[in-house]
Amino acid sequence: MSGAAGPGVQACHLYRLRPGAEAEYERRHARVWPELSVLLDEAGIYDYHIYRHDLLLICVLRTRRGVADARAVTAASPVQARWTASLAGLFAEIADADGEPLWAYPVFHHPGQPPP
């Protein structure tokens, strides 16, 4: 998936933590700033999950108006700038050489049958 994901389409990107940063990353996300949650809502971001395996973070989300719109809203926000700066020392890798997030793309999907 890329940053071109449209409204409602699941998008996924990856981060890699620095060794030893795992506990601090989880501690910070256990107390996400209320103003950051408001910003995510304003940006139309919903169904947002972050999973961790060792140093790998897997971020999965959906947006109401598309990823490009959500990125524009968050990029213009001083709240996002402060949050990102506060976590910067915890990351080993967050983007490619062009500064694009490390987008992951779907390879397989089984929708299955929802419970009755």
Protein backbone atom coordinates (compact mmCIF):
# COMPACT_ATOMS: atom_id res chain seq x y z
CA MET A 1 0.00 0.00 0.00
CA SER A 2 1.22 3.50 -0.59
CA GLY A 3 0.45 6.99 0.57
CA ALA A 4 -2.09 7.07 -2.28
CA ALA A 5 -4.59 4.92 -0.35
CA GLY A 6 -8.07 6.34 -0.72
CA PRO A 7 -10.87 6.80 1.79
CA GLY A 8 -11.56 3.70 3.86
CA VAL A 9 -8.72 1.72 2.29
CA GLN A 10 -6.41 0.14 4.84
CA ALA A 11 -2.87 1.54 4.75
CA CYS A 12 0.18 0.09 6.46
CA HIS A 13 3.63 1.50 7.14
CA LEU A 14 6.60 0.32 9.14
CA TYR A 15 9.02 1.84 11.63
CA ARG A 16 12.07 0.33 13.26
CA LEU A 17 13.01 1.18 16.83
CA ARG A 18 16.53 1.61 18.14
CA PRO A 19 17.61 -1.30 20.34
CA GLY A 20 16.60 -0.62 23.92
CA ALA A 21 13.80 1.81 22.99
CA GLU A 22 10.97 -0.73 23.17
CA ALA A 23 9.80 -0.04 26.73
CA GLU A 24 9.93 3.75 26.32
CA TYR A 25 7.98 3.58 23.04
CA GLU A 26 5.26 1.52 24.69
CA ARG A 27 5.22 3.78 27.76
CA ARG A 28 4.66 6.86 25.58
CA HIS A 29 1.87 5.21 23.63
CA ALA A 30 0.13 4.11 26.81
CA ARG A 31 -0.31 7.84 27.48
CA VAL A 32 -0.90 9.38 24.05
CA TRP A 33 -1.51 13.10 24.35
CA PRO A 34 -5.23 13.97 24.19
CA GLU A 35 -4.48 16.69 21.63
CA LEU A 36 -2.85 14.08 19.40
CA SER A 37 -6.01 11.97 19.52
CA VAL A 38 -8.00 15.06 18.55
CA LEU A 39 -5.62 15.67 15.64
CA LEU A 40 -6.01 12.09 14.40
CA ASP A 41 -9.78 12.58 14.40
CA GLU A 42 -9.45 15.93 12.58
CA ALA A 43 -7.22 14.24 9.99
CA GLY A 44 -9.88 11.57 9.43
CA ILE A 45 -7.68 8.76 10.73
CA TYR A 46 -9.58 5.84 12.26
CA ASP A 47 -9.19 2.14 12.98
CA TYR A 48 -5.52 2.88 13.75
CA HIS A 49 -3.41 0.10 15.28
CA ILE A 50 0.28 -0.13 16.02
CA TYR A 51 1.74 -3.60 16.45
CA ARG A 52 5.26 -4.35 17.64
CA HIS A 53 7.49 -7.35 17.02
CA ASP A 54 10.86 -6.83 18.69
CA LEU A 55 12.12 -3.59 17.07
CA LEU A 56 9.66 -3.61 14.16
CA LEU A 57 6.53 -1.44 14.42
CA ILE A 58 3.65 -2.13 12.06
CA CYS A 59 1.15 0.71 11.75
CA VAL A 60 -2.22 -0.09 10.18
CA LEU A 61 -4.92 2.54 9.67
CA ARG A 62 -7.84 3.76 7.62
CA THR A 63 -8.75 7.30 6.67
CA ARG A 64 -12.00 9.07 5.89
CA ARG A 65 -10.62 11.26 3.07
CA GLY A 66 -7.55 9.31 1.93
CA VAL A 67 -4.00 9.05 3.22
CA ALA A 68 -2.77 12.10 1.29
CA ASP A 69 -5.37 14.31 2.99
CA ALA A 70 -4.60 12.86 6.42
CA ARG A 71 -0.88 13.41 5.90
CA ALA A 72 -1.48 17.02 4.85
CA VAL A 73 -3.52 17.71 7.99
CA THR A 74 -1.02 16.10 10.35
CA ALA A 75 2.02 17.63 8.60
CA ALA A 76 0.60 21.12 9.14
CA SER A 77 0.03 20.53 12.84
CA PRO A 78 2.34 21.80 15.58
CA VAL A 79 0.96 18.99 17.78
CA GLN A 80 2.22 16.39 15.29
CA ALA A 81 5.58 18.17 15.05
CA ARG A 82 6.00 18.08 18.85
CA TRP A 83 4.92 14.42 19.10
CA THR A 84 7.28 13.37 16.30
CA ALA A 85 10.17 15.32 17.83
CA SER A 86 9.49 13.76 21.23
CA LEU A 87 9.83 10.25 19.76
CA ALA A 88 12.63 10.92 17.25
CA GLY A 89 15.37 9.47 19.43
CA LEU A 90 13.55 6.16 19.71
CA PHE A 91 13.59 5.36 15.98
CA ALA A 92 16.28 3.73 13.89
CA GLU A 93 14.27 3.97 10.64
CA ILE A 94 11.04 5.74 9.74
CA ALA A 95 11.32 6.62 6.04
CA ASP A 96 13.06 5.73 2.81
CA ALA A 97 15.81 7.81 1.19
CA ASP A 98 13.17 10.14 -0.31
CA GLY A 99 11.52 10.76 3.07
CA GLU A 100 8.49 8.63 2.22
CA PRO A 101 7.10 6.42 4.98
CA LEU A 102 8.04 2.77 4.70
CA TRP A 103 4.75 1.72 3.09
CA ALA A 104 3.86 -1.95 3.09
CA TYR A 105 1.50 -3.35 0.50
CA PRO A 106 -1.04 -6.15 0.73
CA VAL A 107 -0.03 -9.55 -0.53
CA PHE A 108 -2.96 -11.64 0.74
CA HIS A 109 -6.38 -10.98 2.22
CA HIS A 110 -8.99 -13.46 3.37
CA PRO A 111 -12.14 -11.63 4.45
CA GLY A 112 -13.66 -14.79 5.91
CA GLN A 113 -17.15 -14.99 7.31
CA PRO A 114 -17.97 -12.64 10.19
CA PRO A 115 -19.61 -14.16 13.22
CA PRO A 116 -23.42 -14.23 13.17
